[in-house]
N, C-alpha and C. Protein backbone atom coordinates (compact mmCIF):
# COMPACT_ATOMS: atom_id res chain seq x y z
N MET A 1 72.52 93.18 121.06
CA MET A 1 72.21 94.09 122.14
C MET A 1 72.88 95.43 121.86
N GLY A 2 72.11 96.42 121.60
CA GLY A 2 72.67 97.74 121.35
C GLY A 2 72.19 98.73 122.39
N LEU A 3 72.81 99.86 122.38
CA LEU A 3 72.42 100.94 123.26
C LEU A 3 71.18 101.63 122.70
N ILE A 4 70.43 102.30 123.57
CA ILE A 4 69.34 103.11 123.06
C ILE A 4 69.94 104.34 122.39
N ALA A 5 69.17 104.99 121.54
CA ALA A 5 69.68 106.07 120.70
C ALA A 5 70.39 107.16 121.50
N SER A 6 69.85 107.56 122.64
CA SER A 6 70.47 108.64 123.41
C SER A 6 71.81 108.20 124.00
N ASP A 7 71.90 106.94 124.40
CA ASP A 7 73.17 106.44 124.91
C ASP A 7 74.20 106.30 123.79
N ARG A 8 73.76 105.89 122.61
CA ARG A 8 74.67 105.79 121.47
C ARG A 8 75.18 107.18 121.10
N ALA A 9 74.31 108.18 121.15
CA ALA A 9 74.72 109.55 120.85
C ALA A 9 75.77 110.03 121.85
N LYS A 10 75.60 109.69 123.11
CA LYS A 10 76.59 110.06 124.13
C LYS A 10 77.91 109.35 123.88
N LEU A 11 77.84 108.09 123.51
CA LEU A 11 79.06 107.33 123.23
C LEU A 11 79.75 107.88 122.00
N ARG A 12 78.99 108.20 120.95
CA ARG A 12 79.57 108.81 119.76
C ARG A 12 80.24 110.13 120.12
N GLN A 13 79.59 110.93 120.95
CA GLN A 13 80.17 112.21 121.35
C GLN A 13 81.45 112.00 122.15
N HIS A 14 81.48 110.97 122.98
CA HIS A 14 82.69 110.62 123.74
C HIS A 14 83.83 110.30 122.79
N PHE A 15 83.57 109.47 121.79
CA PHE A 15 84.60 109.11 120.82
C PHE A 15 84.97 110.31 119.94
N LEU A 16 84.00 111.15 119.61
CA LEU A 16 84.30 112.36 118.82
C LEU A 16 85.25 113.28 119.59
N SER A 17 85.04 113.39 120.87
CA SER A 17 85.92 114.22 121.70
C SER A 17 87.35 113.67 121.71
N ILE A 18 87.48 112.36 121.82
CA ILE A 18 88.80 111.72 121.79
C ILE A 18 89.47 111.94 120.44
N LEU A 19 88.71 111.74 119.37
CA LEU A 19 89.26 111.94 118.02
C LEU A 19 89.65 113.39 117.79
N THR A 20 88.83 114.31 118.23
CA THR A 20 89.13 115.74 118.08
C THR A 20 90.42 116.10 118.80
N ASP A 21 90.59 115.58 120.01
CA ASP A 21 91.83 115.84 120.75
C ASP A 21 93.04 115.27 120.02
N ALA A 22 92.90 114.07 119.48
CA ALA A 22 94.00 113.45 118.75
C ALA A 22 94.33 114.23 117.49
N ALA A 23 93.31 114.75 116.82
CA ALA A 23 93.51 115.47 115.57
C ALA A 23 94.24 116.80 115.76
N LYS A 24 94.23 117.31 116.96
CA LYS A 24 94.95 118.56 117.25
C LYS A 24 96.45 118.41 117.03
N HIS A 25 96.92 117.19 116.96
CA HIS A 25 98.36 116.92 116.84
C HIS A 25 98.75 116.48 115.43
N ARG A 26 97.91 116.69 114.45
CA ARG A 26 98.21 116.24 113.08
C ARG A 26 99.49 116.84 112.52
N ARG A 27 99.72 118.11 112.75
CA ARG A 27 100.92 118.75 112.21
C ARG A 27 102.20 118.15 112.75
N GLU A 28 102.13 117.53 113.91
CA GLU A 28 103.29 116.89 114.51
C GLU A 28 103.58 115.53 113.87
N ARG A 29 102.62 115.03 113.08
CA ARG A 29 102.71 113.67 112.55
C ARG A 29 102.43 113.63 111.05
N GLU A 30 103.10 114.47 110.29
CA GLU A 30 102.85 114.54 108.86
C GLU A 30 103.69 113.56 108.05
N THR A 31 104.69 112.94 108.66
CA THR A 31 105.53 112.01 107.92
C THR A 31 104.76 110.73 107.59
N ILE A 32 105.20 110.05 106.56
CA ILE A 32 104.59 108.78 106.15
C ILE A 32 105.24 107.66 106.97
N VAL A 33 104.40 106.80 107.53
CA VAL A 33 104.86 105.67 108.34
C VAL A 33 104.13 104.42 107.89
N GLU A 34 104.51 103.29 108.44
CA GLU A 34 103.78 102.04 108.16
C GLU A 34 102.69 101.87 109.20
N ASP A 35 101.52 101.44 108.74
CA ASP A 35 100.43 101.19 109.67
C ASP A 35 100.47 99.73 110.13
N ALA A 36 99.44 99.30 110.83
CA ALA A 36 99.41 97.95 111.40
C ALA A 36 99.44 96.86 110.33
N SER A 37 99.01 97.19 109.11
CA SER A 37 99.02 96.20 108.03
C SER A 37 100.23 96.38 107.12
N ASN A 38 101.25 97.11 107.61
CA ASN A 38 102.49 97.36 106.87
C ASN A 38 102.29 98.15 105.58
N GLU A 39 101.26 98.97 105.54
CA GLU A 39 101.04 99.86 104.41
C GLU A 39 101.46 101.26 104.80
N SER A 40 101.85 102.06 103.83
CA SER A 40 102.25 103.43 104.10
C SER A 40 101.02 104.31 104.34
N ALA A 41 101.13 105.15 105.36
CA ALA A 41 100.04 106.06 105.70
C ALA A 41 100.61 107.26 106.43
N PRO A 42 99.92 108.38 106.41
CA PRO A 42 100.38 109.53 107.19
C PRO A 42 100.43 109.17 108.68
N GLY A 43 101.44 109.66 109.35
CA GLY A 43 101.59 109.36 110.77
C GLY A 43 100.39 109.77 111.60
N TRP A 44 99.75 110.88 111.22
CA TRP A 44 98.58 111.32 111.99
C TRP A 44 97.43 110.32 111.87
N LEU A 45 97.30 109.71 110.70
CA LEU A 45 96.23 108.74 110.50
C LEU A 45 96.47 107.50 111.36
N VAL A 46 97.70 107.03 111.37
CA VAL A 46 98.05 105.86 112.18
C VAL A 46 97.82 106.19 113.66
N PHE A 47 98.23 107.37 114.09
CA PHE A 47 98.04 107.79 115.48
C PHE A 47 96.55 107.85 115.84
N GLU A 48 95.74 108.44 114.98
CA GLU A 48 94.32 108.56 115.28
C GLU A 48 93.63 107.20 115.29
N ARG A 49 94.01 106.32 114.39
CA ARG A 49 93.45 104.95 114.43
C ARG A 49 93.83 104.25 115.72
N LYS A 50 95.10 104.37 116.12
CA LYS A 50 95.54 103.74 117.38
C LYS A 50 94.82 104.34 118.57
N THR A 51 94.63 105.65 118.55
CA THR A 51 93.93 106.32 119.64
C THR A 51 92.50 105.81 119.75
N MET A 52 91.81 105.73 118.62
CA MET A 52 90.43 105.26 118.64
C MET A 52 90.35 103.77 118.99
N HIS A 53 91.32 103.01 118.54
CA HIS A 53 91.38 101.59 118.88
C HIS A 53 91.47 101.43 120.40
N GLY A 54 92.37 102.19 121.00
CA GLY A 54 92.52 102.13 122.46
C GLY A 54 91.24 102.54 123.16
N ALA A 55 90.60 103.62 122.71
CA ALA A 55 89.38 104.10 123.35
C ALA A 55 88.25 103.08 123.23
N VAL A 56 88.12 102.48 122.06
CA VAL A 56 87.08 101.47 121.86
C VAL A 56 87.31 100.29 122.79
N ASN A 57 88.55 99.82 122.88
CA ASN A 57 88.82 98.66 123.73
C ASN A 57 88.72 98.97 125.21
N VAL A 58 89.00 100.20 125.62
CA VAL A 58 88.77 100.58 127.02
C VAL A 58 87.29 100.49 127.33
N TRP A 59 86.46 101.04 126.45
CA TRP A 59 85.01 101.00 126.66
C TRP A 59 84.52 99.56 126.69
N ARG A 60 85.01 98.76 125.77
CA ARG A 60 84.59 97.35 125.72
C ARG A 60 85.00 96.60 126.98
N ALA A 61 86.20 96.85 127.47
CA ALA A 61 86.65 96.19 128.70
C ALA A 61 85.78 96.59 129.88
N GLU A 62 85.42 97.87 129.94
CA GLU A 62 84.56 98.35 131.02
C GLU A 62 83.17 97.72 130.97
N HIS A 63 82.79 97.23 129.80
CA HIS A 63 81.47 96.61 129.63
C HIS A 63 81.58 95.10 129.42
N HIS A 64 82.71 94.56 129.84
CA HIS A 64 82.94 93.11 129.83
C HIS A 64 82.80 92.49 128.44
N LEU A 65 83.30 93.19 127.46
CA LEU A 65 83.32 92.70 126.08
C LEU A 65 84.76 92.46 125.66
N PRO A 66 85.00 91.52 124.78
CA PRO A 66 86.37 91.24 124.34
C PRO A 66 86.91 92.38 123.48
N PRO A 67 88.21 92.53 123.44
CA PRO A 67 88.80 93.59 122.62
C PRO A 67 88.61 93.30 121.13
N VAL A 68 88.70 94.35 120.34
CA VAL A 68 88.66 94.22 118.89
C VAL A 68 90.04 94.53 118.35
N ASP A 69 90.32 94.00 117.19
CA ASP A 69 91.59 94.23 116.52
C ASP A 69 91.57 95.60 115.85
N ILE A 70 92.74 96.18 115.70
CA ILE A 70 92.83 97.51 115.07
C ILE A 70 92.33 97.48 113.62
N SER A 71 92.30 96.32 113.00
CA SER A 71 91.78 96.24 111.63
C SER A 71 90.31 96.65 111.56
N ALA A 72 89.57 96.43 112.64
CA ALA A 72 88.17 96.86 112.67
C ALA A 72 88.08 98.38 112.66
N ILE A 73 88.97 99.03 113.37
CA ILE A 73 88.99 100.48 113.42
C ILE A 73 89.44 101.04 112.07
N ALA A 74 90.45 100.42 111.47
CA ALA A 74 90.92 100.86 110.15
C ALA A 74 89.80 100.73 109.12
N ARG A 75 89.02 99.66 109.21
CA ARG A 75 87.91 99.44 108.26
C ARG A 75 86.90 100.57 108.34
N VAL A 76 86.49 100.94 109.56
CA VAL A 76 85.47 101.99 109.67
C VAL A 76 86.05 103.37 109.40
N GLU A 77 87.33 103.55 109.66
CA GLU A 77 87.96 104.83 109.31
C GLU A 77 87.95 105.01 107.80
N ARG A 78 88.24 103.94 107.06
CA ARG A 78 88.21 104.01 105.60
C ARG A 78 86.79 104.30 105.10
N GLN A 79 85.78 103.75 105.78
CA GLN A 79 84.39 104.01 105.40
C GLN A 79 84.04 105.49 105.58
N ALA A 80 84.59 106.11 106.60
CA ALA A 80 84.31 107.52 106.89
C ALA A 80 85.13 108.45 106.01
N SER A 81 86.26 107.97 105.52
CA SER A 81 87.18 108.79 104.75
C SER A 81 86.49 109.40 103.52
N GLY A 82 86.77 110.68 103.30
CA GLY A 82 86.23 111.36 102.14
C GLY A 82 84.89 112.03 102.38
N HIS A 83 84.25 111.76 103.50
CA HIS A 83 82.97 112.38 103.82
C HIS A 83 83.20 113.73 104.49
N VAL A 84 82.32 114.66 104.20
CA VAL A 84 82.43 115.99 104.80
C VAL A 84 82.31 115.91 106.33
N ASP A 85 81.58 114.92 106.81
CA ASP A 85 81.42 114.73 108.25
C ASP A 85 82.25 113.54 108.74
N TYR A 86 83.47 113.45 108.21
CA TYR A 86 84.40 112.36 108.50
C TYR A 86 84.50 112.07 110.01
N ALA A 87 84.77 113.07 110.81
CA ALA A 87 84.98 112.85 112.24
C ALA A 87 83.72 112.30 112.92
N VAL A 88 82.57 112.82 112.53
CA VAL A 88 81.31 112.34 113.10
C VAL A 88 81.07 110.89 112.70
N LYS A 89 81.27 110.58 111.42
CA LYS A 89 81.06 109.21 110.95
C LYS A 89 82.06 108.24 111.62
N PHE A 90 83.33 108.61 111.65
CA PHE A 90 84.33 107.74 112.26
C PHE A 90 83.98 107.48 113.72
N SER A 91 83.57 108.51 114.43
CA SER A 91 83.20 108.37 115.84
C SER A 91 81.98 107.48 116.01
N LEU A 92 80.99 107.67 115.15
CA LEU A 92 79.79 106.84 115.21
C LEU A 92 80.13 105.38 114.95
N TYR A 93 80.92 105.13 113.91
CA TYR A 93 81.29 103.76 113.58
C TYR A 93 82.09 103.12 114.72
N CYS A 94 82.93 103.91 115.38
CA CYS A 94 83.67 103.38 116.54
C CYS A 94 82.71 103.05 117.68
N ALA A 95 81.70 103.89 117.88
CA ALA A 95 80.69 103.61 118.91
C ALA A 95 79.96 102.31 118.60
N GLU A 96 79.64 102.11 117.33
CA GLU A 96 78.95 100.87 116.94
C GLU A 96 79.83 99.65 117.17
N ILE A 97 81.11 99.77 116.87
CA ILE A 97 82.03 98.66 117.15
C ILE A 97 82.14 98.43 118.65
N ALA A 98 82.24 99.50 119.40
CA ALA A 98 82.39 99.38 120.86
C ALA A 98 81.23 98.61 121.47
N GLU A 99 80.03 98.95 121.05
CA GLU A 99 78.87 98.30 121.64
C GLU A 99 78.53 96.97 120.97
N GLY A 100 79.20 96.65 119.88
CA GLY A 100 78.97 95.36 119.24
C GLY A 100 77.90 95.37 118.18
N VAL A 101 77.43 96.54 117.77
CA VAL A 101 76.42 96.62 116.71
C VAL A 101 77.06 96.36 115.36
N SER A 102 78.25 96.88 115.16
CA SER A 102 79.01 96.65 113.93
C SER A 102 80.06 95.60 114.23
N GLU A 103 80.00 94.53 113.52
CA GLU A 103 80.95 93.45 113.77
C GLU A 103 82.29 93.74 113.13
N PRO A 104 83.37 93.52 113.86
CA PRO A 104 84.69 93.67 113.24
C PRO A 104 84.88 92.64 112.14
N PRO A 105 85.71 92.95 111.14
CA PRO A 105 85.93 91.97 110.08
C PRO A 105 86.62 90.72 110.60
N VAL A 106 86.32 89.61 109.98
CA VAL A 106 86.90 88.34 110.40
C VAL A 106 88.31 88.19 109.84
């Protein structure tokens, strides 16, 4: 069960707005920290993944869906990484996870 294209676009835009707001604080988080899988990563990346994880799970809870693990968000963030439209792709992939179109990794 997925959203129609216009609703998915609105959801992607919602997540893009959240990600854009989080990205405004990158300079505050330039140190290297451990992420959820105990790997080293820039603090801003860990913060943005956590922010998107929270946003996805809020949306899922509002739609009576179970929460997803942060590893699902990390997976789609890595898929978006390196693309010129990184933020758009990451937001879209988060929208797909939120609505259940993209299955989180087992």
